[in-house]
Protein backbone atom coordinates (compact mmCIF):
# COMPACT_ATOMS: atom_id res chain seq x y z
CA MET A 1 104.34 98.54 99.55
CA ALA A 2 105.83 101.74 98.76
CA LYS A 3 102.87 104.28 98.19
CA TYR A 4 102.90 108.19 96.96
CA THR A 5 99.92 110.49 97.12
CA TYR A 6 99.73 114.04 96.06
CA SER A 7 96.55 116.11 96.07
CA SER A 8 96.12 119.69 94.46
CA GLU A 9 93.70 122.19 93.07
CA ILE A 10 93.40 123.84 89.78
CA THR A 11 91.77 126.92 89.05
CA GLY A 12 90.13 127.53 85.52
CA LYS A 13 89.78 123.97 84.57
CA SER A 14 87.13 121.51 84.91
CA ALA A 15 87.13 118.02 86.16
CA THR A 16 86.94 116.95 82.43
CA GLU A 17 89.95 118.85 81.43
CA VAL A 18 91.83 117.47 84.33
CA TYR A 19 90.74 114.05 83.34
CA HIS A 20 91.78 114.46 79.59
CA ALA A 21 95.23 115.96 80.66
CA SER A 22 96.06 112.96 82.84
CA LEU A 23 95.71 110.40 79.94
CA THR A 24 98.21 112.33 77.94
CA ALA A 25 100.39 113.17 80.95
CA PHE A 26 100.78 109.61 81.84
CA GLU A 27 101.73 108.46 78.36
CA ARG A 28 104.31 111.23 78.39
CA ALA A 29 105.63 110.21 81.70
CA GLY A 30 106.29 106.77 80.28
CA PHE A 31 102.96 105.01 81.59
CA GLU A 32 100.47 103.07 79.78
CA VAL A 33 96.82 104.09 80.60
CA TRP A 34 94.93 100.75 80.74
CA LYS A 35 91.75 101.89 81.97
CA GLU A 36 89.61 104.89 81.42
CA ARG A 37 86.65 106.16 83.29
CA PRO A 38 85.69 109.33 81.97
CA LEU A 39 82.20 109.56 83.83
CA ALA A 40 84.15 109.35 87.15
CA TRP A 41 87.12 111.28 85.86
CA LEU A 42 89.44 108.66 86.84
CA SER A 43 92.34 107.36 84.75
CA LEU A 44 94.43 104.30 85.49
CA ALA A 45 97.99 103.72 84.39
CA ARG A 46 100.91 101.33 84.85
CA LYS A 47 104.57 101.00 84.22
CA THR A 48 107.31 98.52 84.75
CA GLU A 49 110.42 99.97 86.38
CA ASN A 50 113.34 97.73 87.60
CA ASP A 51 111.25 94.76 86.62
CA LYS A 52 108.45 95.91 89.26
CA GLU A 53 105.25 97.34 88.24
CA ILE A 54 104.18 100.85 89.31
CA SER A 55 100.21 101.32 89.34
CA ALA A 56 98.86 104.89 89.23
CA ASN A 57 95.92 106.78 89.03
CA LEU A 58 94.47 110.24 88.85
CA ALA A 59 91.11 111.06 90.24
CA ALA A 60 89.68 114.31 89.36
CA ARG A 61 86.91 115.99 91.46
CA ALA A 62 84.35 118.74 90.35
CA THR A 63 84.97 121.04 93.31
CA SER A 64 85.55 124.84 93.03
CA PRO A 65 88.31 125.01 92.23
CA THR A 66 88.79 121.68 90.52
CA SER A 67 90.71 119.12 92.73
CA TYR A 68 92.57 116.04 91.82
CA THR A 69 94.55 113.29 93.60
CA LEU A 70 97.50 111.12 92.18
CA THR A 71 98.58 108.00 93.78
CA LEU A 72 101.10 105.65 92.76
CA ALA A 73 102.05 102.48 94.48
CA ALA A 74 104.52 99.54 93.87
CA ASP A 75 105.82 96.54 95.62
CA GLY A 76 109.63 96.10 95.92
CA LEU A 77 110.34 99.79 94.84
CA THR A 78 111.40 102.64 97.04
CA ASP A 79 109.30 105.72 97.81
CA GLU A 80 111.93 107.97 95.89
CA ILE A 81 111.54 106.16 92.87
CA LEU A 82 107.85 106.56 93.00
CA GLU A 83 108.27 110.11 93.68
CA GLU A 84 110.74 110.50 90.81
CA ASN A 85 107.79 109.02 88.55
CA ALA A 86 105.18 111.18 90.05
CA GLU A 87 107.39 114.31 89.23
CA LYS A 88 107.55 113.27 85.67
CA PHE A 89 103.67 112.99 85.40
CA LEU A 90 103.19 116.21 87.37
CA GLN A 91 105.51 118.14 84.91
CA ALA A 92 103.77 116.63 81.90
CA PHE A 93 100.52 117.31 83.50
CA SER A 94 101.26 120.81 84.47
CA ASN A 95 102.50 121.47 80.76
CA LEU A 96 99.50 120.32 79.37
CA LEU A 97 97.17 122.46 81.67
CA THR A 98 99.14 125.43 80.91
CA GLU A 99 99.14 125.21 77.11
């Protein structure tokens, strides 16, 4: 199983703002958000690529500054494919948080 994990911090944004941005960013990156957990600041998404499902989630934490972890995983896909999909998400996510 290929897996990609990315963690970072965001100054000036709440965990709620990060969570809401993740919902839109997943959609802009071609994922379907299939479960929303607003009280836990957790979004779960999925996408099919090369007939394989990519599972993705973003968990935000109300730290100071706000932190988050993005995780993508898939059976039968390479780490590079997961990284490309993560980069698409992170670009959309960054754009949303700086608007």
